[in-house]
Amino acid sequence: MDYRSDTFTKPGKGMLNAMIEANTGDDVFGEDPTVNKLEAMMSELFGMEAALYCPSGTMSNQIAIKVHTLPGDEVICSTLAHVYIYEGGGIAFNAGAQVRALEGDRGMITAADVEAAINPDDIHKARTSLVCLENTSNRGGGCCYEWEQIEQIREVCNRHGLKLHLDGARLFNALLATGQTAAQFGATFDSISVCLNKGMGCPMGSILLGSAAFIKEARRVRKKLGGGMRQAGYMAATGVYALENNVERLAEDHQHAKKIAGALLEREFTGHMLPVETNILIFEVKHPWTPITFRDFMQQQDIRVMAISPTQVRMVLHLDITPEMVDRTIAVIRSME
């Protein structure tokens, strides 16, 4: 049982069959029919003009940031944003931009935060050009933005001429949890990245969405980053399968997360737990346990979890975790003193 991340999923028989039966071509020439189908499905779902299939969510985000900015620009995001702390310094390396990181709440920032962080039109200051949001927020325990918050940030961006990008690695989790729609997001953001290799269960892949002009430039940047793929339809077929079969079932992961959270909160060694809104649990571990000893004990029970700080453990639910596995995990938690 591996709760370290929802990236540990493996393709099931249906997804593997989709890969085997995929119709492929050369995507660098724009001739892979399965890649084209996946990109069309996503752009239609979000109501955006075009889409680009990329190997990873990090690449999707980095392409978007590169297209939206010029070297020396400043990008506003949360201090907990994946684009800031988990993409290898890519904003500096790929775009030559710097970051204005804001504290926010569980990785979520407000319109007031953004407006206060925008630099004046002064040659001594970096030009603020882009705001990046993350929904759900990974280090925020899978929390979701309220739609009103997003609308307010969009309005600030409009007034100041800023682009707005969404790292939607787990956006489908947010849509199910909040009842918001893909079309709402597509109408609000200049660009969106959506991972297929997390709760959607694909072995790889991310979709970058935007206007036709944006995606045309994004395709050029993808090539520069070495992301041009040939017979990528074998992998894109997993994305088509996931869109058709794995979206609604994400709600089961949310239910499992809440069930395990309830068991943990019964134990005295569980400290503060971030609100569980989707498929991620982040909680403090107290005496006599530490995150390391908790992790090691669980591993002895063939349960893998991640110690993410000196005080916190993370567990992530996904499609390879069955109800029976959840029940066994809860039994192990209840056996711990």
C-alpha atoms as a PDB file:
ATOM      1  CA  MET A   1       0.000   0.000   0.000  1.00  0.00           C
ATOM      2  CA  ASP A   2       1.673   3.167  -1.150  1.00  0.00           C
ATOM      3  CA  TYR A   3       0.291   6.457   0.174  1.00  0.00           C
ATOM      4  CA  ARG A   4       3.411   8.511  -0.593  1.00  0.00           C
ATOM      5  CA  SER A   5       1.812  10.102  -3.656  1.00  0.00           C
ATOM      6  CA  ASP A   6      -0.904   9.617  -6.247  1.00  0.00           C
ATOM      7  CA  THR A   7       1.934   9.444  -8.788  1.00  0.00           C
ATOM      8  CA  PHE A   8       2.493   5.804  -7.766  1.00  0.00           C
ATOM      9  CA  THR A   9      -0.549   4.514  -9.636  1.00  0.00           C
ATOM     10  CA  LYS A  10      -0.112   1.825 -12.278  1.00  0.00           C
ATOM     11  CA  PRO A  11      -2.246   1.350 -15.416  1.00  0.00           C
ATOM     12  CA  GLY A  12      -5.019  -1.216 -15.104  1.00  0.00           C
ATOM     13  CA  LYS A  13      -6.057  -3.656 -17.828  1.00  0.00           C
ATOM     14  CA  GLY A  14      -8.397  -1.194 -19.519  1.00  0.00           C
ATOM     15  CA  MET A  15      -5.723   1.483 -19.735  1.00  0.00           C
ATOM     16  CA  LEU A  16      -3.094  -1.000 -20.923  1.00  0.00           C
ATOM     17  CA  ASN A  17      -5.448  -2.217 -23.661  1.00  0.00           C
ATOM     18  CA  ALA A  18      -6.019   1.392 -24.731  1.00  0.00           C
ATOM     19  CA  MET A  19      -2.258   1.805 -25.083  1.00  0.00           C
ATOM     20  CA  ILE A  20      -1.868  -1.355 -27.146  1.00  0.00           C
ATOM     21  CA  GLU A  21      -4.721  -0.417 -29.467  1.00  0.00           C
ATOM     22  CA  ALA A  22      -3.701   3.250 -29.896  1.00  0.00           C
ATOM     23  CA  ASN A  23      -3.503   4.703 -33.376  1.00  0.00           C
ATOM     24  CA  THR A  24      -0.242   6.655 -33.557  1.00  0.00           C
ATOM     25  CA  GLY A  25       1.784   8.980 -35.761  1.00  0.00           C
ATOM     26  CA  ASP A  26       4.534  11.557 -35.278  1.00  0.00           C
ATOM     27  CA  ASP A  27       3.386  14.218 -32.831  1.00  0.00           C
ATOM     28  CA  VAL A  28       6.266  16.582 -33.639  1.00  0.00           C
ATOM     29  CA  PHE A  29       4.705  16.776 -37.105  1.00  0.00           C
ATOM     30  CA  GLY A  30       1.247  17.111 -35.484  1.00  0.00           C
ATOM     31  CA  GLU A  31       0.260  13.767 -36.995  1.00  0.00           C
ATOM     32  CA  ASP A  32      -0.429  11.561 -33.999  1.00  0.00           C
ATOM     33  CA  PRO A  33      -4.221  11.083 -34.060  1.00  0.00           C
ATOM     34  CA  THR A  34      -4.464   9.950 -30.436  1.00  0.00           C
ATOM     35  CA  VAL A  35      -2.496  12.940 -29.149  1.00  0.00           C
ATOM     36  CA  ASN A  36      -4.676  15.192 -31.296  1.00  0.00           C
ATOM     37  CA  LYS A  37      -7.790  13.538 -29.886  1.00  0.00           C
ATOM     38  CA  LEU A  38      -6.642  14.006 -26.283  1.00  0.00           C
ATOM     39  CA  GLU A  39      -5.763  17.659 -26.862  1.00  0.00           C
ATOM     40  CA  ALA A  40      -9.122  18.261 -28.544  1.00  0.00           C
ATOM     41  CA  MET A  41     -11.016  16.558 -25.706  1.00  0.00           C
ATOM     42  CA  MET A  42      -9.326  18.737 -23.105  1.00  0.00           C
ATOM     43  CA  SER A  43      -9.664  22.016 -24.994  1.00  0.00           C
ATOM     44  CA  GLU A  44     -13.356  21.295 -25.584  1.00  0.00           C
ATOM     45  CA  LEU A  45     -13.921  20.345 -21.947  1.00  0.00           C
ATOM     46  CA  PHE A  46     -12.370  23.603 -20.707  1.00  0.00           C
ATOM     47  CA  GLY A  47     -13.717  25.750 -23.525  1.00  0.00           C
ATOM     48  CA  MET A  48     -10.213  26.906 -24.450  1.00  0.00           C
ATOM     49  CA  GLU A  49      -8.897  27.274 -27.979  1.00  0.00           C
ATOM     50  CA  ALA A  50      -6.039  24.794 -27.907  1.00  0.00           C
ATOM     51  CA  ALA A  51      -4.081  22.281 -25.844  1.00  0.00           C
ATOM     52  CA  LEU A  52      -0.600  20.764 -25.775  1.00  0.00           C
ATOM     53  CA  TYR A  53       0.353  17.300 -24.501  1.00  0.00           C
ATOM     54  CA  CYS A  54       3.522  17.419 -22.389  1.00  0.00           C
ATOM     55  CA  PRO A  55       5.529  14.698 -20.623  1.00  0.00           C
ATOM     56  CA  SER A  56       5.067  16.160 -17.130  1.00  0.00           C
ATOM     57  CA  GLY A  57       3.263  18.752 -15.073  1.00  0.00           C
ATOM     58  CA  THR A  58       6.536  20.496 -14.326  1.00  0.00           C
ATOM     59  CA  MET A  59       7.165  20.932 -18.040  1.00  0.00           C
ATOM     60  CA  SER A  60       3.622  22.240 -18.600  1.00  0.00           C
ATOM     61  CA  ASN A  61       4.052  24.820 -15.851  1.00  0.00           C
ATOM     62  CA  GLN A  62       7.523  25.847 -16.962  1.00  0.00           C
ATOM     63  CA  ILE A  63       6.431  26.261 -20.567  1.00  0.00           C
ATOM     64  CA  ALA A  64       3.524  28.448 -19.483  1.00  0.00           C
ATOM     65  CA  ILE A  65       5.738  30.646 -17.310  1.00  0.00           C
ATOM     66  CA  LYS A  66       8.298  30.987 -20.103  1.00  0.00           C
ATOM     67  CA  VAL A  67       5.643  32.013 -22.644  1.00  0.00           C
ATOM     68  CA  HIS A  68       3.984  34.524 -20.306  1.00  0.00           C
ATOM     69  CA  THR A  69       7.159  36.289 -19.129  1.00  0.00           C
ATOM     70  CA  LEU A  70      10.355  37.982 -20.289  1.00  0.00           C
ATOM     71  CA  PRO A  71      13.752  37.550 -18.574  1.00  0.00           C
ATOM     72  CA  GLY A  72      13.892  39.806 -15.525  1.00  0.00           C
ATOM     73  CA  ASP A  73      10.118  39.729 -14.947  1.00  0.00           C
ATOM     74  CA  GLU A  74       8.575  38.827 -11.601  1.00  0.00           C
ATOM     75  CA  VAL A  75       6.081  36.020 -10.986  1.00  0.00           C
ATOM     76  CA  ILE A  76       3.672  36.147  -8.038  1.00  0.00           C
ATOM     77  CA  CYS A  77       2.769  32.873  -6.325  1.00  0.00           C
ATOM     78  CA  SER A  78       2.462  31.264  -2.896  1.00  0.00           C
ATOM     79  CA  THR A  79       5.473  30.327  -0.771  1.00  0.00           C
ATOM     80  CA  LEU A  80       4.077  26.762  -0.941  1.00  0.00           C
ATOM     81  CA  ALA A  81       3.534  26.741  -4.714  1.00  0.00           C
ATOM     82  CA  HIS A  82       4.806  23.719  -6.619  1.00  0.00           C
ATOM     83  CA  VAL A  83       6.199  26.022  -9.321  1.00  0.00           C
ATOM     84  CA  TYR A  84       8.301  27.724  -6.637  1.00  0.00           C
ATOM     85  CA  ILE A  85       9.548  24.946  -4.352  1.00  0.00           C
ATOM     86  CA  TYR A  86       9.277  21.690  -6.333  1.00  0.00           C
ATOM     87  CA  GLU A  87      10.342  22.467  -9.896  1.00  0.00           C
ATOM     88  CA  GLY A  88      14.096  22.695  -9.431  1.00  0.00           C
ATOM     89  CA  GLY A  89      14.368  26.468  -9.672  1.00  0.00           C
ATOM     90  CA  GLY A  90      12.850  26.224 -13.123  1.00  0.00           C
ATOM     91  CA  ILE A  91      11.395  29.732 -13.137  1.00  0.00           C
ATOM     92  CA  ALA A  92      14.914  31.172 -12.903  1.00  0.00           C
ATOM     93  CA  PHE A  93      16.539  28.540 -15.108  1.00  0.00           C
ATOM     94  CA  ASN A  94      13.996  28.410 -17.926  1.00  0.00           C
ATOM     95  CA  ALA A  95      12.350  31.837 -17.919  1.00  0.00           C
ATOM     96  CA  GLY A  96      15.024  34.001 -16.327  1.00  0.00           C
ATOM     97  CA  ALA A  97      12.317  35.407 -14.071  1.00  0.00           C
ATOM     98  CA  GLN A  98      12.251  35.956 -10.336  1.00  0.00           C
ATOM     99  CA  VAL A  99       9.531  35.128  -7.815  1.00  0.00           C
ATOM    100  CA  ARG A 100       7.548  37.205  -5.342  1.00  0.00           C
ATOM    101  CA  ALA A 101       6.388  34.466  -2.974  1.00  0.00           C
ATOM    102  CA  LEU A 102       3.415  35.305  -0.732  1.00  0.00           C
ATOM    103  CA  GLU A 103       2.516  33.602   2.543  1.00  0.00           C
ATOM    104  CA  GLY A 104      -1.195  33.077   1.967  1.00  0.00           C
ATOM    105  CA  ASP A 105      -3.263  30.363   3.661  1.00  0.00           C
ATOM    106  CA  ARG A 106      -2.365  26.701   2.983  1.00  0.00           C
ATOM    107  CA  GLY A 107      -0.858  27.696  -0.335  1.00  0.00           C
ATOM    108  CA  MET A 108      -3.778  29.888  -1.381  1.00  0.00           C
ATOM    109  CA  ILE A 109      -3.347  33.631  -1.896  1.00  0.00           C
ATOM    110  CA  THR A 110      -5.930  36.426  -2.091  1.00  0.00           C
ATOM    111  CA  ALA A 111      -6.611  39.299  -4.456  1.00  0.00           C
ATOM    112  CA  ALA A 112      -5.440  41.719  -1.754  1.00  0.00           C
ATOM    113  CA  ASP A 113      -2.186  39.746  -1.409  1.00  0.00           C
ATOM    114  CA  VAL A 114      -1.633  39.919  -5.157  1.00  0.00           C
ATOM    115  CA  GLU A 115      -2.426  43.612  -5.499  1.00  0.00           C
ATOM    116  CA  ALA A 116      -0.064  44.523  -2.669  1.00  0.00           C
ATOM    117  CA  ALA A 117       2.753  42.538  -4.304  1.00  0.00           C
ATOM    118  CA  ILE A 118       2.566  44.124  -7.769  1.00  0.00           C
ATOM    119  CA  ASN A 119       5.608  46.278  -8.428  1.00  0.00           C
ATOM    120  CA  PRO A 120       5.157  49.883  -9.537  1.00  0.00           C
ATOM    121  CA  ASP A 121       6.153  50.909 -13.052  1.00  0.00           C
ATOM    122  CA  ASP A 122       9.676  51.811 -11.996  1.00  0.00           C
ATOM    123  CA  ILE A 123      12.879  50.929 -13.859  1.00  0.00           C
ATOM    124  CA  HIS A 124      14.454  49.946 -10.532  1.00  0.00           C
ATOM    125  CA  LYS A 125      11.848  47.214 -10.039  1.00  0.00           C
ATOM    126  CA  ALA A 126      11.245  43.916 -11.781  1.00  0.00           C
ATOM    127  CA  ARG A 127       8.203  44.028 -14.034  1.00  0.00           C
ATOM    128  CA  THR A 128       5.345  42.027 -12.513  1.00  0.00           C
ATOM    129  CA  SER A 129       3.832  40.057 -15.381  1.00  0.00           C
ATOM    130  CA  LEU A 130       2.301  36.793 -14.114  1.00  0.00           C
ATOM    131  CA  VAL A 131       0.315  35.336 -11.222  1.00  0.00           C
ATOM    132  CA  CYS A 132       0.364  31.572 -10.645  1.00  0.00           C
ATOM    133  CA  LEU A 133      -2.273  29.802  -8.548  1.00  0.00           C
ATOM    134  CA  GLU A 134      -2.317  26.125  -7.550  1.00  0.00           C
ATOM    135  CA  ASN A 135      -5.607  24.248  -7.188  1.00  0.00           C
ATOM    136  CA  THR A 136      -5.718  21.948  -5.320  1.00  0.00           C
ATOM    137  CA  SER A 137      -2.808  23.062  -3.150  1.00  0.00           C
ATOM    138  CA  ASN A 138      -0.461  20.133  -2.549  1.00  0.00           C
ATOM    139  CA  ARG A 139       1.300  21.484   0.560  1.00  0.00           C
ATOM    140  CA  GLY A 140      -2.010  22.916   1.706  1.00  0.00           C
ATOM    141  CA  GLY A 141      -3.354  19.390   2.186  1.00  0.00           C
ATOM    142  CA  GLY A 142      -5.320  19.312  -1.064  1.00  0.00           C
ATOM    143  CA  CYS A 143      -7.364  22.417  -0.273  1.00  0.00           C
ATOM    144  CA  CYS A 144      -9.441  24.195  -2.919  1.00  0.00           C
ATOM    145  CA  TYR A 145      -9.946  27.844  -3.792  1.00  0.00           C
ATOM    146  CA  GLU A 146     -13.393  29.353  -3.380  1.00  0.00           C
ATOM    147  CA  TRP A 147     -14.569  30.555  -6.773  1.00  0.00           C
ATOM    148  CA  GLU A 148     -15.054  34.109  -5.532  1.00  0.00           C
ATOM    149  CA  GLN A 149     -11.361  34.246  -4.565  1.00  0.00           C
ATOM    150  CA  ILE A 150     -10.338  33.289  -8.084  1.00  0.00           C
ATOM    151  CA  GLU A 151     -12.670  35.849  -9.662  1.00  0.00           C
ATOM    152  CA  GLN A 152     -11.240  38.581  -7.459  1.00  0.00           C
ATOM    153  CA  ILE A 153      -7.670  37.671  -8.417  1.00  0.00           C
ATOM    154  CA  ARG A 154      -8.674  37.665 -12.092  1.00  0.00           C
ATOM    155  CA  GLU A 155     -10.073  41.165 -11.715  1.00  0.00           C
ATOM    156  CA  VAL A 156      -6.791  42.399 -10.174  1.00  0.00           C
ATOM    157  CA  CYS A 157      -4.851  40.809 -13.036  1.00  0.00           C
ATOM    158  CA  ASN A 158      -7.103  42.490 -15.577  1.00  0.00           C
ATOM    159  CA  ARG A 159      -6.643  45.928 -14.014  1.00  0.00           C
ATOM    160  CA  HIS A 160      -2.871  45.586 -13.943  1.00  0.00           C
ATOM    161  CA  GLY A 161      -2.359  43.795 -17.250  1.00  0.00           C
ATOM    162  CA  LEU A 162      -1.099  40.562 -15.685  1.00  0.00           C
ATOM    163  CA  LYS A 163      -1.467  37.024 -17.029  1.00  0.00           C
ATOM    164  CA  LEU A 164      -3.002  34.350 -14.794  1.00  0.00           C
ATOM    165  CA  HIS A 165      -1.779  30.739 -14.895  1.00  0.00           C
ATOM    166  CA  LEU A 166      -3.249  27.799 -13.002  1.00  0.00           C
ATOM    167  CA  ASP A 167      -1.175  24.846 -11.865  1.00  0.00           C
ATOM    168  CA  GLY A 168      -4.107  22.461 -11.928  1.00  0.00           C
ATOM    169  CA  ALA A 169      -2.147  19.275 -11.323  1.00  0.00           C
ATOM    170  CA  ARG A 170      -5.081  17.977  -9.273  1.00  0.00           C
ATOM    171  CA  LEU A 171      -7.746  20.226 -10.768  1.00  0.00           C
ATOM    172  CA  PHE A 172     -10.186  17.375 -11.366  1.00  0.00           C
ATOM    173  CA  ASN A 173     -10.099  16.682  -7.614  1.00  0.00           C
ATOM    174  CA  ALA A 174     -11.039  20.321  -7.004  1.00  0.00           C
ATOM    175  CA  LEU A 175     -13.896  20.196  -9.527  1.00  0.00           C
ATOM    176  CA  LEU A 176     -15.411  17.156  -7.829  1.00  0.00           C
ATOM    177  CA  ALA A 177     -14.975  18.570  -4.336  1.00  0.00           C
ATOM    178  CA  THR A 178     -16.430  22.019  -5.075  1.00  0.00           C
ATOM    179  CA  GLY A 179     -18.899  21.483  -7.901  1.00  0.00           C
ATOM    180  CA  GLN A 180     -17.063  24.072  -9.977  1.00  0.00           C
ATOM    181  CA  THR A 181     -16.763  23.362 -13.699  1.00  0.00           C
ATOM    182  CA  ALA A 182     -13.923  23.043 -16.165  1.00  0.00           C
ATOM    183  CA  ALA A 183     -15.596  25.692 -18.323  1.00  0.00           C
ATOM    184  CA  GLN A 184     -15.454  28.207 -15.458  1.00  0.00           C
ATOM    185  CA  PHE A 185     -11.704  27.747 -15.196  1.00  0.00           C
ATOM    186  CA  GLY A 186     -11.212  27.854 -18.943  1.00  0.00           C
ATOM    187  CA  ALA A 187     -13.032  31.175 -19.151  1.00  0.00           C
ATOM    188  CA  THR A 188     -10.997  32.704 -16.326  1.00  0.00           C
ATOM    189  CA  PHE A 189      -7.357  31.675 -16.719  1.00  0.00           C
ATOM    190  CA  ASP A 190      -4.944  32.556 -19.506  1.00  0.00           C
ATOM    191  CA  SER A 191      -3.378  29.116 -19.217  1.00  0.00           C
ATOM    192  CA  ILE A 192      -3.999  25.918 -17.254  1.00  0.00           C
ATOM    193  CA  SER A 193      -1.893  22.802 -16.719  1.00  0.00           C
ATOM    194  CA  VAL A 194      -3.652  19.569 -15.739  1.00  0.00           C
ATOM    195  CA  CYS A 195      -1.769  16.409 -14.757  1.00  0.00           C
ATOM    196  CA  LEU A 196      -2.869  13.015 -15.996  1.00  0.00           C
ATOM    197  CA  ASN A 197      -0.303  11.032 -14.001  1.00  0.00           C
ATOM    198  CA  LYS A 198      -1.716  11.613 -10.525  1.00  0.00           C
ATOM    199  CA  GLY A 199      -5.267  10.675  -9.505  1.00  0.00           C
ATOM    200  CA  MET A 200      -6.192  10.129 -13.143  1.00  0.00           C
ATOM    201  CA  GLY A 201      -3.952   7.060 -13.090  1.00  0.00           C
ATOM    202  CA  CYS A 202      -1.821   7.585 -16.218  1.00  0.00           C
ATOM    203  CA  PRO A 203       1.858   6.592 -16.252  1.00  0.00           C
ATOM    204  CA  MET A 204       2.859  10.039 -17.555  1.00  0.00           C
ATOM    205  CA  GLY A 205       1.566  13.208 -19.109  1.00  0.00           C
ATOM    206  CA  SER A 206       0.111  16.649 -18.559  1.00  0.00           C
ATOM    207  CA  ILE A 207      -2.050  18.915 -20.689  1.00  0.00           C
ATOM    208  CA  LEU A 208      -1.346  22.632 -21.104  1.00  0.00           C
ATOM    209  CA  LEU A 209      -4.338  24.720 -22.197  1.00  0.00           C
ATOM    210  CA  GLY A 210      -4.624  28.242 -23.568  1.00  0.00           C
ATOM    211  CA  SER A 211      -5.360  30.360 -26.614  1.00  0.00           C
ATOM    212  CA  ALA A 212      -4.291  29.194 -30.069  1.00  0.00           C
ATOM    213  CA  ALA A 213      -1.508  31.803 -30.133  1.00  0.00           C
ATOM    214  CA  PHE A 214      -0.313  30.791 -26.653  1.00  0.00           C
ATOM    215  CA  ILE A 215      -0.208  27.089 -27.525  1.00  0.00           C
ATOM    216  CA  LYS A 216       1.618  27.797 -30.788  1.00  0.00           C
ATOM    217  CA  GLU A 217       4.408  29.459 -28.810  1.00  0.00           C
ATOM    218  CA  ALA A 218       4.179  26.789 -26.088  1.00  0.00           C
ATOM    219  CA  ARG A 219       4.817  24.112 -28.727  1.00  0.00           C
ATOM    220  CA  ARG A 220       8.013  25.921 -29.718  1.00  0.00           C
ATOM    221  CA  VAL A 221       9.154  26.127 -26.069  1.00  0.00           C
ATOM    222  CA  ARG A 222       8.320  22.448 -25.522  1.00  0.00           C
ATOM    223  CA  LYS A 223      10.650  21.608 -28.413  1.00  0.00           C
ATOM    224  CA  LYS A 224      13.446  23.716 -26.893  1.00  0.00           C
ATOM    225  CA  LEU A 225      13.036  21.852 -23.602  1.00  0.00           C
ATOM    226  CA  GLY A 226      13.336  18.486 -25.347  1.00  0.00           C
ATOM    227  CA  GLY A 227       9.658  17.711 -24.887  1.00  0.00           C
ATOM    228  CA  GLY A 228       8.790  16.974 -28.501  1.00  0.00           C
ATOM    229  CA  MET A 229       7.580  13.365 -28.691  1.00  0.00           C
ATOM    230  CA  ARG A 230       7.146  11.077 -31.690  1.00  0.00           C
ATOM    231  CA  GLN A 231       4.665   8.183 -31.351  1.00  0.00           C
ATOM    232  CA  ALA A 232       3.279   9.686 -28.164  1.00  0.00           C
ATOM    233  CA  GLY A 233      -0.186   8.296 -28.884  1.00  0.00           C
ATOM    234  CA  TYR A 234       0.583   5.196 -26.850  1.00  0.00           C
ATOM    235  CA  MET A 235       0.831   7.427 -23.792  1.00  0.00           C
ATOM    236  CA  ALA A 236      -1.875   9.881 -24.864  1.00  0.00           C
ATOM    237  CA  ALA A 237      -4.258   6.919 -25.103  1.00  0.00           C
ATOM    238  CA  THR A 238      -3.991   6.580 -21.327  1.00  0.00           C
ATOM    239  CA  GLY A 239      -5.171  10.178 -21.002  1.00  0.00           C
ATOM    240  CA  VAL A 240      -8.159   9.547 -23.271  1.00  0.00           C
ATOM    241  CA  TYR A 241      -9.015   6.456 -21.214  1.00  0.00           C
ATOM    242  CA  ALA A 242      -8.656   8.389 -17.944  1.00  0.00           C
ATOM    243  CA  LEU A 243     -10.947  11.199 -19.103  1.00  0.00           C
ATOM    244  CA  GLU A 244     -13.578   8.643 -20.071  1.00  0.00           C
ATOM    245  CA  ASN A 245     -13.273   6.410 -16.994  1.00  0.00           C
ATOM    246  CA  ASN A 246     -11.338   7.885 -14.061  1.00  0.00           C
ATOM    247  CA  VAL A 247     -12.711  11.351 -13.315  1.00  0.00           C
ATOM    248  CA  GLU A 248     -15.836  10.602 -11.287  1.00  0.00           C
ATOM    249  CA  ARG A 249     -14.111   7.863  -9.314  1.00  0.00           C
ATOM    250  CA  LEU A 250     -11.805  10.508  -7.729  1.00  0.00           C
ATOM    251  CA  ALA A 251     -14.649  11.058  -5.242  1.00  0.00           C
ATOM    252  CA  GLU A 252     -13.851   7.630  -3.792  1.00  0.00           C
ATOM    253  CA  ASP A 253     -10.319   8.807  -3.001  1.00  0.00           C
ATOM    254  CA  HIS A 254     -11.775  11.813  -1.166  1.00  0.00           C
ATOM    255  CA  GLN A 255     -14.017   9.531   0.904  1.00  0.00           C
ATOM    256  CA  HIS A 256     -11.088   7.261   1.746  1.00  0.00           C
ATOM    257  CA  ALA A 257      -8.993  10.252   2.843  1.00  0.00           C
ATOM    258  CA  LYS A 258     -11.706  11.435   5.216  1.00  0.00           C
ATOM    259  CA  LYS A 259     -12.110   7.925   6.609  1.00  0.00           C
ATOM    260  CA  ILE A 260      -8.409   7.596   7.422  1.00  0.00           C
ATOM    261  CA  ALA A 261      -8.395  11.152   8.803  1.00  0.00           C
ATOM    262  CA  GLY A 262     -11.142  10.182  11.241  1.00  0.00           C
ATOM    263  CA  ALA A 263      -9.091   7.248  12.515  1.00  0.00           C
ATOM    264  CA  LEU A 264      -5.973   9.371  12.927  1.00  0.00           C
ATOM    265  CA  LEU A 265      -7.826  12.062  14.844  1.00  0.00           C
ATOM    266  CA  GLU A 266      -8.893   9.442  17.386  1.00  0.00           C
ATOM    267  CA  ARG A 267      -5.250   8.903  18.350  1.00  0.00           C
ATOM    268  CA  GLU A 268      -3.452  11.087  20.881  1.00  0.00           C
ATOM    269  CA  PHE A 269      -0.260  11.082  18.807  1.00  0.00           C
ATOM    270  CA  THR A 270      -2.020  12.982  16.011  1.00  0.00           C
ATOM    271  CA  GLY A 271      -1.519  16.727  16.298  1.00  0.00           C
ATOM    272  CA  HIS A 272      -2.869  19.422  14.012  1.00  0.00           C
ATOM    273  CA  MET A 273      -4.285  18.102  10.755  1.00  0.00           C
ATOM    274  CA  LEU A 274      -4.936  20.333   7.763  1.00  0.00           C
ATOM    275  CA  PRO A 275      -8.599  20.275   6.690  1.00  0.00           C
ATOM    276  CA  VAL A 276      -9.193  17.252   4.442  1.00  0.00           C
ATOM    277  CA  GLU A 277     -11.009  18.485   1.340  1.00  0.00           C
ATOM    278  CA  THR A 278      -9.810  16.083  -1.348  1.00  0.00           C
ATOM    279  CA  ASN A 279      -7.335  13.168  -1.462  1.00  0.00           C
ATOM    280  CA  ILE A 280      -4.404  14.491   0.612  1.00  0.00           C
ATOM    281  CA  LEU A 281      -3.783  14.134   4.359  1.00  0.00           C
ATOM    282  CA  ILE A 282      -1.139  16.272   6.068  1.00  0.00           C
ATOM    283  CA  PHE A 283      -0.950  15.924   9.844  1.00  0.00           C
ATOM    284  CA  GLU A 284       1.408  16.495  12.740  1.00  0.00           C
ATOM    285  CA  VAL A 285       2.788  13.528  14.655  1.00  0.00           C
ATOM    286  CA  LYS A 286       3.396  13.959  18.402  1.00  0.00           C
ATOM    287  CA  HIS A 287       5.229  12.094  21.185  1.00  0.00           C
ATOM    288  CA  PRO A 288       5.969   9.231  21.471  1.00  0.00           C
ATOM    289  CA  TRP A 289       6.071   9.110  17.670  1.00  0.00           C
ATOM    290  CA  THR A 290       7.936  11.292  15.198  1.00  0.00           C
ATOM    291  CA  PRO A 291       7.278  11.496  11.462  1.00  0.00           C
ATOM    292  CA  ILE A 292      10.301   9.249  10.876  1.00  0.00           C
ATOM    293  CA  THR A 293       9.335   6.566  13.420  1.00  0.00           C
ATOM    294  CA  PHE A 294       5.716   6.723  12.243  1.00  0.00           C
ATOM    295  CA  ARG A 295       6.866   6.238   8.649  1.00  0.00           C
ATOM    296  CA  ASP A 296       9.188   3.374   9.558  1.00  0.00           C
ATOM    297  CA  PHE A 297       6.551   1.578  11.633  1.00  0.00           C
ATOM    298  CA  MET A 298       4.018   1.851   8.842  1.00  0.00           C
ATOM    299  CA  GLN A 299       6.551   0.526   6.358  1.00  0.00           C
ATOM    300  CA  GLN A 300       7.013  -2.548   8.550  1.00  0.00           C
ATOM    301  CA  GLN A 301       3.287  -3.124   8.022  1.00  0.00           C
ATOM    302  CA  ASP A 302       3.769  -2.801   4.228  1.00  0.00           C
ATOM    303  CA  ILE A 303       2.222   0.680   4.284  1.00  0.00           C
ATOM    304  CA  ARG A 304       4.247   3.498   2.703  1.00  0.00           C
ATOM    305  CA  VAL A 305       3.761   7.101   3.870  1.00  0.00           C
ATOM    306  CA  MET A 306       5.931  10.223   3.550  1.00  0.00           C
ATOM    307  CA  ALA A 307       7.536  12.291   6.307  1.00  0.00           C
ATOM    308  CA  ILE A 308       7.476  15.781   4.771  1.00  0.00           C
ATOM    309  CA  SER A 309       8.827  17.870   7.666  1.00  0.00           C
ATOM    310  CA  PRO A 310      10.236  17.419  11.171  1.00  0.00           C
ATOM    311  CA  THR A 311       6.643  17.387  12.468  1.00  0.00           C
ATOM    312  CA  GLN A 312       4.395  16.286   9.580  1.00  0.00           C
ATOM    313  CA  VAL A 313       3.407  13.203   7.610  1.00  0.00           C
ATOM    314  CA  ARG A 314       1.624  13.167   4.260  1.00  0.00           C
ATOM    315  CA  MET A 315      -0.663  10.466   2.890  1.00  0.00           C
ATOM    316  CA  VAL A 316      -2.255  10.633  -0.558  1.00  0.00           C
ATOM    317  CA  LEU A 317      -5.187   8.514  -1.707  1.00  0.00           C
ATOM    318  CA  HIS A 318      -5.482   7.235  -5.276  1.00  0.00           C
ATOM    319  CA  LEU A 319      -7.101   4.590  -7.445  1.00  0.00           C
ATOM    320  CA  ASP A 320      -4.699   1.803  -6.429  1.00  0.00           C
ATOM    321  CA  ILE A 321      -5.842   2.079  -2.791  1.00  0.00           C
ATOM    322  CA  THR A 322      -8.881  -0.153  -2.358  1.00  0.00           C
ATOM    323  CA  PRO A 323     -11.521   0.011   0.404  1.00  0.00           C
ATOM    324  CA  GLU A 324      -9.956  -3.113   1.924  1.00  0.00           C
ATOM    325  CA  MET A 325      -6.569  -1.401   2.046  1.00  0.00           C
ATOM    326  CA  VAL A 326      -8.128   1.606   3.757  1.00  0.00           C
ATOM    327  CA  ASP A 327      -9.695  -0.657   6.391  1.00  0.00           C
ATOM    328  CA  ARG A 328      -6.376  -2.391   7.035  1.00  0.00           C
ATOM    329  CA  THR A 329      -4.601   0.966   7.312  1.00  0.00           C
ATOM    330  CA  ILE A 330      -7.142   2.121   9.871  1.00  0.00           C
ATOM    331  CA  ALA A 331      -6.667  -1.106  11.844  1.00  0.00           C
ATOM    332  CA  VAL A 332      -2.901  -0.488  11.963  1.00  0.00           C
ATOM    333  CA  ILE A 333      -3.433   3.119  13.092  1.00  0.00           C
ATOM    334  CA  ARG A 334      -5.757   1.961  15.867  1.00  0.00           C
ATOM    335  CA  SER A 335      -3.140  -0.559  17.041  1.00  0.00           C
ATOM    336  CA  MET A 336      -0.552   2.170  17.611  1.00  0.00           C
ATOM    337  CA  GLU A 337      -0.051   3.484  21.122  1.00  0.00           C
END
